[in-house]
C-alpha cells in the first residue's frame, strides 16, 4: 500500500495507515544474523542469474530466487522501511503526500530496535506528508493479537482527526 500510495496519486485514498511497519531485511537479519543473510542473498543472486523462478533452498522458505531477493536484498524494491541502513533513500515514504499514521506494537517480535526508534525514523522520512502520527501500542506484538480493540480505537480516532484537518 505504501508503494501504491507513493506512486498512484489516487484521489480515493485520503490517508495511509501503516500497521507494524517493520523492515523484512532487518527482521530476517535479526532472525538469521547479518552474515548468514548476506550469504543467502548472494546464493539467491546466483540462483536467479540461472533462473529467476527457481526456488531457493526449502529451509529458507517457499520462495523463488527473485521473490527472496525482492524481500531480503537491502535496497530492493520491497525494502520500503530501511531504518536499519544509515543514509538510505526512503524513496516510497518520502513520496507520499497524504496524512500518514504508523502503529507499532511495543512487543513486535520482528523489530531489531526500540519501536519508538522506528516511529522516529518514519516521522523524519514522511517529509511530504501533511501530517504524521506515530503510535506504539503497549504490549502488542506484530499482529496486534489481543490488542485489536485498542488498535481499532486508535485508528478510528486518527481517521476522525485526519478528516477534520482537510
N, C-alpha and C. Protein backbone atom coordinates (compact mmCIF):
# COMPACT_ATOMS: atom_id res chain seq x y z
N UNK A 1 0.81 -1.19 0.00
CA UNK A 1 0.00 0.00 0.00
C UNK A 1 0.86 1.27 0.00
N UNK A 2 1.97 1.22 0.73
CA UNK A 2 2.86 2.38 0.75
C UNK A 2 3.34 2.69 -0.66
N UNK A 3 3.76 1.67 -1.38
CA UNK A 3 4.26 1.86 -2.74
C UNK A 3 3.16 2.46 -3.62
N UNK A 4 1.95 1.93 -3.53
CA UNK A 4 0.83 2.44 -4.31
C UNK A 4 0.52 3.89 -3.93
N UNK A 5 0.46 4.15 -2.62
CA UNK A 5 0.17 5.50 -2.14
C UNK A 5 1.22 6.51 -2.58
N UNK A 6 2.44 6.05 -2.74
CA UNK A 6 3.53 6.95 -3.16
C UNK A 6 3.47 7.23 -4.66
N UNK A 7 2.98 6.27 -5.44
CA UNK A 7 3.05 6.39 -6.89
C UNK A 7 1.74 6.82 -7.56
N UNK A 8 0.61 6.38 -7.04
CA UNK A 8 -0.64 6.46 -7.80
C UNK A 8 -1.34 7.81 -7.78
N UNK A 9 -1.22 8.56 -6.71
CA UNK A 9 -1.97 9.82 -6.58
C UNK A 9 -3.47 9.57 -6.77
N UNK A 10 -3.93 8.47 -6.21
CA UNK A 10 -5.33 8.05 -6.30
C UNK A 10 -6.18 8.91 -5.37
N UNK A 11 -7.10 9.68 -5.92
CA UNK A 11 -7.92 10.60 -5.12
C UNK A 11 -8.85 9.87 -4.14
N UNK A 12 -9.04 8.59 -4.34
CA UNK A 12 -9.89 7.81 -3.41
C UNK A 12 -9.18 7.53 -2.10
N UNK A 13 -7.87 7.70 -2.07
CA UNK A 13 -7.09 7.46 -0.86
C UNK A 13 -6.86 8.79 -0.17
N UNK A 14 -7.33 8.89 1.07
CA UNK A 14 -7.20 10.17 1.78
C UNK A 14 -6.17 10.11 2.91
N UNK A 15 -5.59 8.95 3.14
CA UNK A 15 -4.57 8.81 4.17
C UNK A 15 -3.97 7.42 4.09
N UNK A 16 -2.85 7.25 4.76
CA UNK A 16 -2.14 5.99 4.72
C UNK A 16 -1.90 5.51 6.15
N UNK A 17 -2.33 4.29 6.44
CA UNK A 17 -2.14 3.68 7.76
C UNK A 17 -1.14 2.55 7.61
N UNK A 18 -0.05 2.62 8.37
CA UNK A 18 0.98 1.59 8.37
C UNK A 18 0.86 0.79 9.66
N UNK A 19 0.51 -0.49 9.55
CA UNK A 19 0.38 -1.35 10.72
C UNK A 19 1.61 -2.25 10.82
N UNK A 20 2.36 -2.11 11.87
CA UNK A 20 3.56 -2.91 12.06
C UNK A 20 4.57 -2.72 10.94
N UNK A 21 4.94 -1.46 10.63
CA UNK A 21 5.86 -1.21 9.52
C UNK A 21 7.29 -1.61 9.86
N UNK A 22 7.58 -2.88 9.68
CA UNK A 22 8.88 -3.43 10.02
C UNK A 22 9.60 -3.82 8.74
N UNK A 23 10.88 -3.58 8.68
CA UNK A 23 11.70 -3.97 7.55
C UNK A 23 11.86 -5.49 7.50
N UNK A 24 11.52 -6.10 6.36
CA UNK A 24 11.75 -7.53 6.18
C UNK A 24 13.24 -7.85 6.27
N UNK A 25 14.06 -6.96 5.71
CA UNK A 25 15.52 -7.18 5.73
C UNK A 25 16.03 -7.18 7.17
N UNK A 26 15.65 -6.18 7.94
CA UNK A 26 16.12 -6.10 9.33
C UNK A 26 15.59 -7.25 10.17
N UNK A 27 14.34 -7.64 9.94
CA UNK A 27 13.75 -8.75 10.70
C UNK A 27 14.48 -10.06 10.38
N UNK A 28 14.78 -10.29 9.11
CA UNK A 28 15.47 -11.52 8.72
C UNK A 28 16.91 -11.51 9.22
N UNK A 29 17.55 -10.35 9.20
CA UNK A 29 18.91 -10.25 9.74
C UNK A 29 18.91 -10.53 11.24
N UNK A 30 17.88 -10.09 11.93
CA UNK A 30 17.76 -10.37 13.36
C UNK A 30 17.61 -11.87 13.59
N UNK A 31 16.78 -12.51 12.77
CA UNK A 31 16.50 -13.94 12.92
C UNK A 31 17.71 -14.80 12.58
N UNK A 32 18.38 -14.47 11.47
CA UNK A 32 19.47 -15.31 10.97
C UNK A 32 20.86 -14.85 11.37
N UNK A 33 20.99 -13.54 11.59
CA UNK A 33 22.30 -12.91 11.72
C UNK A 33 22.65 -12.27 10.39
N UNK A 34 23.33 -11.14 10.45
CA UNK A 34 23.63 -10.38 9.22
C UNK A 34 24.49 -11.15 8.23
N UNK A 35 25.49 -11.87 8.73
CA UNK A 35 26.37 -12.61 7.83
C UNK A 35 25.63 -13.72 7.10
N UNK A 36 24.78 -14.45 7.81
CA UNK A 36 24.02 -15.53 7.17
C UNK A 36 23.05 -14.96 6.14
N UNK A 37 22.41 -13.84 6.45
CA UNK A 37 21.51 -13.24 5.47
C UNK A 37 22.31 -12.81 4.23
N UNK A 38 23.45 -12.20 4.43
CA UNK A 38 24.29 -11.80 3.30
C UNK A 38 24.67 -13.02 2.44
N UNK A 39 25.01 -14.11 3.10
CA UNK A 39 25.36 -15.35 2.39
C UNK A 39 24.17 -15.86 1.57
N UNK A 40 22.98 -15.84 2.18
CA UNK A 40 21.79 -16.33 1.48
C UNK A 40 21.42 -15.42 0.31
N UNK A 41 21.53 -14.12 0.48
CA UNK A 41 21.23 -13.20 -0.62
C UNK A 41 22.19 -13.45 -1.78
N UNK A 42 23.47 -13.65 -1.49
CA UNK A 42 24.44 -13.93 -2.55
C UNK A 42 24.09 -15.24 -3.27
N UNK A 43 23.69 -16.25 -2.52
CA UNK A 43 23.30 -17.52 -3.14
C UNK A 43 22.04 -17.35 -3.98
N UNK A 44 21.07 -16.59 -3.48
CA UNK A 44 19.83 -16.34 -4.24
C UNK A 44 20.14 -15.58 -5.53
N UNK A 45 21.11 -14.67 -5.48
CA UNK A 45 21.52 -13.95 -6.69
C UNK A 45 22.10 -14.91 -7.73
N UNK A 46 22.89 -15.87 -7.28
CA UNK A 46 23.45 -16.87 -8.20
C UNK A 46 22.34 -17.72 -8.81
N UNK A 47 21.39 -18.14 -7.98
CA UNK A 47 20.26 -18.94 -8.47
C UNK A 47 19.45 -18.13 -9.47
N UNK A 48 19.18 -16.87 -9.15
CA UNK A 48 18.35 -16.02 -10.01
C UNK A 48 19.01 -15.75 -11.36
N UNK A 49 20.33 -15.69 -11.38
CA UNK A 49 21.01 -15.49 -12.67
C UNK A 49 20.76 -16.66 -13.62
N UNK A 50 20.67 -17.87 -13.05
CA UNK A 50 20.39 -19.05 -13.88
C UNK A 50 18.92 -19.13 -14.23
N UNK A 51 18.05 -18.89 -13.22
CA UNK A 51 16.60 -18.99 -13.44
C UNK A 51 15.89 -18.23 -12.31
N UNK A 52 15.35 -17.03 -12.59
CA UNK A 52 14.72 -16.22 -11.54
C UNK A 52 13.54 -16.92 -10.85
N UNK A 53 12.92 -17.86 -11.54
CA UNK A 53 11.78 -18.57 -10.95
C UNK A 53 12.19 -19.81 -10.16
N UNK A 54 13.45 -20.18 -10.23
CA UNK A 54 13.93 -21.35 -9.47
C UNK A 54 13.76 -21.07 -7.98
N UNK A 55 13.50 -22.11 -7.24
CA UNK A 55 13.28 -21.96 -5.80
C UNK A 55 14.60 -21.91 -5.04
N UNK A 56 14.60 -21.11 -3.97
CA UNK A 56 15.74 -21.12 -3.05
C UNK A 56 15.64 -22.41 -2.23
N UNK A 57 16.68 -22.78 -1.50
CA UNK A 57 16.59 -24.00 -0.68
C UNK A 57 15.36 -23.96 0.24
N UNK A 58 14.73 -25.09 0.39
CA UNK A 58 13.48 -25.18 1.14
C UNK A 58 13.61 -24.65 2.57
N UNK A 59 14.76 -24.82 3.18
CA UNK A 59 14.97 -24.35 4.56
C UNK A 59 14.83 -22.83 4.67
N UNK A 60 14.93 -22.11 3.55
CA UNK A 60 14.81 -20.65 3.55
C UNK A 60 13.36 -20.20 3.40
N UNK A 61 12.47 -21.11 3.07
CA UNK A 61 11.07 -20.77 2.81
C UNK A 61 10.71 -21.18 1.40
N UNK A 62 9.46 -21.01 1.06
CA UNK A 62 8.98 -21.40 -0.27
C UNK A 62 8.95 -20.17 -1.17
N UNK A 63 10.12 -19.75 -1.62
CA UNK A 63 10.25 -18.56 -2.44
C UNK A 63 11.00 -18.87 -3.73
N UNK A 64 10.66 -18.14 -4.77
CA UNK A 64 11.54 -18.15 -5.93
C UNK A 64 12.74 -17.29 -5.57
N UNK A 65 13.81 -17.46 -6.33
CA UNK A 65 15.01 -16.65 -6.07
C UNK A 65 14.68 -15.17 -6.24
N UNK A 66 13.89 -14.83 -7.26
CA UNK A 66 13.53 -13.43 -7.50
C UNK A 66 12.75 -12.87 -6.30
N UNK A 67 11.79 -13.63 -5.79
CA UNK A 67 10.99 -13.17 -4.65
C UNK A 67 11.84 -13.03 -3.40
N UNK A 68 12.73 -13.98 -3.15
CA UNK A 68 13.60 -13.93 -1.99
C UNK A 68 14.43 -12.64 -2.03
N UNK A 69 14.99 -12.33 -3.20
CA UNK A 69 15.79 -11.12 -3.34
C UNK A 69 14.95 -9.87 -3.17
N UNK A 70 13.73 -9.90 -3.67
CA UNK A 70 12.83 -8.75 -3.53
C UNK A 70 12.56 -8.45 -2.05
N UNK A 71 12.43 -9.49 -1.25
CA UNK A 71 12.15 -9.32 0.18
C UNK A 71 13.39 -8.97 1.00
N UNK A 72 14.50 -9.64 0.71
CA UNK A 72 15.62 -9.61 1.65
C UNK A 72 16.91 -8.96 1.16
N UNK A 73 16.94 -8.46 -0.05
CA UNK A 73 18.15 -7.76 -0.51
C UNK A 73 18.04 -6.29 -0.10
N UNK A 74 18.98 -5.78 0.68
CA UNK A 74 18.94 -4.37 1.07
C UNK A 74 18.88 -3.47 -0.17
N UNK A 75 17.97 -2.50 -0.13
CA UNK A 75 17.83 -1.57 -1.24
C UNK A 75 16.92 -2.08 -2.35
N UNK A 76 16.35 -3.25 -2.19
CA UNK A 76 15.45 -3.81 -3.20
C UNK A 76 14.12 -3.08 -3.24
N UNK A 77 13.29 -3.43 -4.22
CA UNK A 77 12.01 -2.76 -4.41
C UNK A 77 11.12 -2.79 -3.17
N UNK A 78 11.16 -3.88 -2.43
CA UNK A 78 10.27 -4.01 -1.26
C UNK A 78 10.92 -3.54 0.04
N UNK A 79 12.10 -3.01 -0.05
CA UNK A 79 12.80 -2.51 1.14
C UNK A 79 12.34 -1.07 1.40
N UNK A 80 11.07 -0.94 1.79
CA UNK A 80 10.47 0.39 1.90
C UNK A 80 10.61 1.01 3.29
N UNK A 81 11.09 0.25 4.27
CA UNK A 81 11.33 0.77 5.62
C UNK A 81 12.80 0.54 5.98
N UNK A 82 13.71 1.25 5.34
CA UNK A 82 15.14 0.97 5.52
C UNK A 82 15.77 1.65 6.72
N UNK A 83 15.09 1.65 7.85
CA UNK A 83 15.60 2.33 9.05
C UNK A 83 16.90 1.70 9.55
N UNK A 84 17.19 0.50 9.13
CA UNK A 84 18.40 -0.20 9.56
C UNK A 84 19.63 0.24 8.75
N UNK A 85 19.43 0.99 7.66
CA UNK A 85 20.53 1.42 6.79
C UNK A 85 20.73 2.92 6.89
N UNK A 86 21.75 3.38 7.58
CA UNK A 86 22.01 4.82 7.63
C UNK A 86 22.21 5.36 6.21
N UNK A 87 21.60 6.48 5.93
CA UNK A 87 21.74 7.11 4.61
C UNK A 87 20.84 6.53 3.55
N UNK A 88 19.93 5.63 3.91
CA UNK A 88 19.01 5.05 2.92
C UNK A 88 18.11 6.15 2.35
N UNK A 89 17.57 5.92 1.17
CA UNK A 89 16.82 6.97 0.47
C UNK A 89 15.35 7.07 0.86
N UNK A 90 14.73 6.03 1.36
CA UNK A 90 13.31 6.08 1.76
C UNK A 90 12.43 6.60 0.62
N UNK A 91 12.66 6.17 -0.59
CA UNK A 91 12.00 6.71 -1.77
C UNK A 91 10.48 6.69 -1.67
N UNK A 92 9.90 5.57 -1.28
CA UNK A 92 8.44 5.46 -1.26
C UNK A 92 7.83 6.39 -0.21
N UNK A 93 8.29 6.31 1.04
CA UNK A 93 7.69 7.13 2.09
C UNK A 93 7.89 8.62 1.83
N UNK A 94 9.03 9.00 1.32
CA UNK A 94 9.28 10.42 1.03
C UNK A 94 8.43 10.94 -0.12
N UNK A 95 7.81 10.05 -0.88
CA UNK A 95 6.96 10.47 -2.00
C UNK A 95 5.50 10.62 -1.60
N UNK A 96 5.12 10.12 -0.44
CA UNK A 96 3.71 10.14 -0.01
C UNK A 96 3.30 11.56 0.34
N UNK A 97 2.20 11.99 -0.24
CA UNK A 97 1.65 13.33 0.02
C UNK A 97 0.29 13.24 0.69
N UNK A 98 0.14 12.28 1.55
CA UNK A 98 -1.10 12.03 2.28
C UNK A 98 -0.79 12.02 3.77
N UNK A 99 -1.79 12.25 4.62
CA UNK A 99 -1.56 12.04 6.05
C UNK A 99 -1.15 10.59 6.29
N UNK A 100 -0.21 10.39 7.19
CA UNK A 100 0.31 9.05 7.48
C UNK A 100 0.17 8.77 8.97
N UNK A 101 -0.29 7.56 9.28
CA UNK A 101 -0.32 7.07 10.66
C UNK A 101 0.42 5.74 10.69
N UNK A 102 1.28 5.57 11.68
CA UNK A 102 2.03 4.32 11.85
C UNK A 102 1.76 3.78 13.25
N UNK A 103 1.43 2.50 13.33
CA UNK A 103 1.16 1.84 14.60
C UNK A 103 2.09 0.63 14.71
N UNK A 104 2.85 0.58 15.80
CA UNK A 104 3.81 -0.50 16.04
C UNK A 104 3.59 -1.04 17.44
N UNK A 105 3.60 -2.35 17.56
CA UNK A 105 3.48 -2.98 18.87
C UNK A 105 4.75 -2.86 19.67
N UNK A 106 4.62 -2.59 20.95
CA UNK A 106 5.81 -2.45 21.81
C UNK A 106 6.55 -3.78 21.95
N UNK A 107 5.87 -4.89 21.66
CA UNK A 107 6.49 -6.21 21.77
C UNK A 107 6.58 -6.89 20.40
N UNK A 108 6.67 -6.09 19.34
CA UNK A 108 6.74 -6.65 17.99
C UNK A 108 7.97 -7.57 17.89
N UNK A 109 7.71 -8.82 17.62
CA UNK A 109 8.77 -9.83 17.63
C UNK A 109 9.75 -9.70 16.46
N UNK A 110 9.42 -8.91 15.45
CA UNK A 110 10.30 -8.76 14.29
C UNK A 110 11.22 -7.54 14.39
N UNK A 111 10.99 -6.69 15.35
CA UNK A 111 11.82 -5.48 15.48
C UNK A 111 13.22 -5.82 15.95
N UNK A 112 14.17 -5.10 15.39
CA UNK A 112 15.56 -5.25 15.81
C UNK A 112 16.03 -4.05 16.63
N UNK A 113 15.08 -3.18 16.99
CA UNK A 113 15.40 -1.97 17.76
C UNK A 113 14.13 -1.54 18.50
N UNK A 114 14.25 -0.48 19.29
CA UNK A 114 13.09 0.01 20.05
C UNK A 114 12.01 0.50 19.08
N UNK A 115 10.74 0.22 19.37
CA UNK A 115 9.66 0.68 18.50
C UNK A 115 9.67 2.19 18.28
N UNK A 116 9.99 2.95 19.32
CA UNK A 116 10.00 4.41 19.18
C UNK A 116 11.06 4.87 18.18
N UNK A 117 12.16 4.13 18.09
CA UNK A 117 13.19 4.47 17.10
C UNK A 117 12.66 4.32 15.68
N UNK A 118 11.84 3.31 15.45
CA UNK A 118 11.23 3.12 14.12
C UNK A 118 10.23 4.25 13.85
N UNK A 119 9.41 4.57 14.83
CA UNK A 119 8.45 5.69 14.68
C UNK A 119 9.21 6.97 14.34
N UNK A 120 10.29 7.23 15.05
CA UNK A 120 11.07 8.45 14.80
C UNK A 120 11.64 8.46 13.39
N UNK A 121 12.14 7.32 12.91
CA UNK A 121 12.68 7.24 11.55
C UNK A 121 11.57 7.46 10.52
N UNK A 122 10.41 6.88 10.76
CA UNK A 122 9.28 7.09 9.85
C UNK A 122 8.88 8.57 9.82
N UNK A 123 8.80 9.18 11.00
CA UNK A 123 8.43 10.60 11.08
C UNK A 123 9.43 11.47 10.30
N UNK A 124 10.72 11.23 10.48
CA UNK A 124 11.74 12.01 9.77
C UNK A 124 11.62 11.87 8.25
N UNK A 125 11.17 10.70 7.79
CA UNK A 125 11.17 10.44 6.36
C UNK A 125 9.82 10.60 5.68
N UNK A 126 8.79 10.89 6.44
CA UNK A 126 7.48 11.20 5.85
C UNK A 126 7.45 12.70 5.56
N UNK A 127 8.45 13.16 4.86
CA UNK A 127 8.70 14.59 4.72
C UNK A 127 7.68 15.35 3.88
N UNK A 128 6.98 14.67 2.99
CA UNK A 128 5.96 15.35 2.17
C UNK A 128 4.55 15.11 2.69
N UNK A 129 4.41 14.28 3.69
CA UNK A 129 3.09 14.03 4.27
C UNK A 129 2.63 15.28 5.01
N UNK A 130 1.39 15.70 4.81
CA UNK A 130 0.91 16.89 5.52
C UNK A 130 0.85 16.69 7.03
N UNK A 131 0.72 15.43 7.47
CA UNK A 131 0.76 15.14 8.91
C UNK A 131 1.25 13.71 9.10
N UNK A 132 1.83 13.47 10.27
CA UNK A 132 2.31 12.14 10.63
C UNK A 132 1.93 11.87 12.07
N UNK A 133 1.34 10.71 12.32
CA UNK A 133 1.03 10.26 13.67
C UNK A 133 1.70 8.91 13.86
N UNK A 134 2.52 8.81 14.88
CA UNK A 134 3.18 7.54 15.18
C UNK A 134 2.81 7.10 16.58
N UNK A 135 2.37 5.85 16.70
CA UNK A 135 1.92 5.34 17.99
C UNK A 135 2.51 3.97 18.26
N UNK A 136 3.06 3.80 19.45
CA UNK A 136 3.50 2.49 19.92
C UNK A 136 2.36 1.94 20.77
N UNK A 137 1.83 0.79 20.36
CA UNK A 137 0.71 0.17 21.07
C UNK A 137 1.30 -0.74 22.15
N UNK A 138 1.09 -0.34 23.39
CA UNK A 138 1.68 -1.03 24.53
C UNK A 138 1.26 -2.50 24.60
N UNK A 139 2.26 -3.36 24.73
CA UNK A 139 2.01 -4.79 24.90
C UNK A 139 1.67 -5.55 23.62
N UNK A 140 1.54 -4.86 22.50
CA UNK A 140 1.12 -5.52 21.26
C UNK A 140 2.30 -6.16 20.55
N UNK A 141 2.03 -7.31 19.95
CA UNK A 141 3.00 -7.98 19.10
C UNK A 141 2.77 -7.52 17.65
N UNK A 142 3.47 -8.12 16.70
CA UNK A 142 3.40 -7.67 15.31
C UNK A 142 1.98 -7.73 14.74
N UNK A 143 1.23 -8.77 15.07
CA UNK A 143 -0.13 -8.91 14.54
C UNK A 143 -1.21 -8.26 15.40
N UNK A 144 -0.82 -7.58 16.46
CA UNK A 144 -1.72 -6.86 17.36
C UNK A 144 -2.75 -7.80 18.01
N UNK A 145 -2.44 -9.11 18.12
CA UNK A 145 -3.35 -10.05 18.76
C UNK A 145 -3.64 -9.61 20.19
N UNK A 146 -4.90 -9.71 20.55
CA UNK A 146 -5.41 -9.32 21.87
C UNK A 146 -5.32 -7.81 22.13
N UNK A 147 -4.99 -7.05 21.10
CA UNK A 147 -4.98 -5.58 21.20
C UNK A 147 -5.81 -4.97 20.07
N UNK A 148 -6.65 -5.79 19.46
CA UNK A 148 -7.42 -5.34 18.30
C UNK A 148 -8.35 -4.17 18.64
N UNK A 149 -9.01 -4.23 19.77
CA UNK A 149 -9.94 -3.16 20.15
C UNK A 149 -9.19 -1.84 20.32
N UNK A 150 -8.07 -1.90 21.04
CA UNK A 150 -7.26 -0.69 21.25
C UNK A 150 -6.77 -0.14 19.91
N UNK A 151 -6.30 -1.02 19.04
CA UNK A 151 -5.83 -0.60 17.72
C UNK A 151 -6.97 0.02 16.92
N UNK A 152 -8.12 -0.62 16.92
CA UNK A 152 -9.27 -0.08 16.19
C UNK A 152 -9.66 1.30 16.70
N UNK A 153 -9.66 1.48 18.01
CA UNK A 153 -9.99 2.79 18.59
C UNK A 153 -8.97 3.85 18.16
N UNK A 154 -7.69 3.48 18.16
CA UNK A 154 -6.65 4.43 17.73
C UNK A 154 -6.83 4.81 16.26
N UNK A 155 -7.15 3.83 15.43
CA UNK A 155 -7.34 4.10 14.00
C UNK A 155 -8.55 4.99 13.78
N UNK A 156 -9.66 4.68 14.44
CA UNK A 156 -10.87 5.49 14.29
C UNK A 156 -10.60 6.92 14.73
N UNK A 157 -9.91 7.08 15.85
CA UNK A 157 -9.56 8.41 16.33
C UNK A 157 -8.71 9.16 15.30
N UNK A 158 -7.73 8.45 14.71
CA UNK A 158 -6.87 9.08 13.71
C UNK A 158 -7.67 9.47 12.47
N UNK A 159 -8.54 8.58 12.01
CA UNK A 159 -9.35 8.88 10.81
C UNK A 159 -10.20 10.11 11.06
N UNK A 160 -10.84 10.18 12.22
CA UNK A 160 -11.67 11.36 12.53
C UNK A 160 -10.83 12.64 12.62
N UNK A 161 -9.68 12.58 13.26
CA UNK A 161 -8.85 13.78 13.38
C UNK A 161 -8.26 14.16 12.02
N UNK A 162 -7.91 13.17 11.23
CA UNK A 162 -7.34 13.42 9.90
C UNK A 162 -8.37 14.07 8.97
N UNK A 163 -9.61 13.61 9.05
CA UNK A 163 -10.66 14.16 8.17
C UNK A 163 -11.01 15.58 8.59
N UNK A 164 -10.85 15.93 9.86
CA UNK A 164 -11.09 17.30 10.30
C UNK A 164 -10.02 18.25 9.78
N UNK A 165 -8.81 17.70 9.58
CA UNK A 165 -7.69 18.55 9.12
C UNK A 165 -7.84 18.99 7.67
N UNK A 166 -8.73 18.32 6.90
CA UNK A 166 -8.84 18.65 5.48
C UNK A 166 -9.68 19.87 5.23
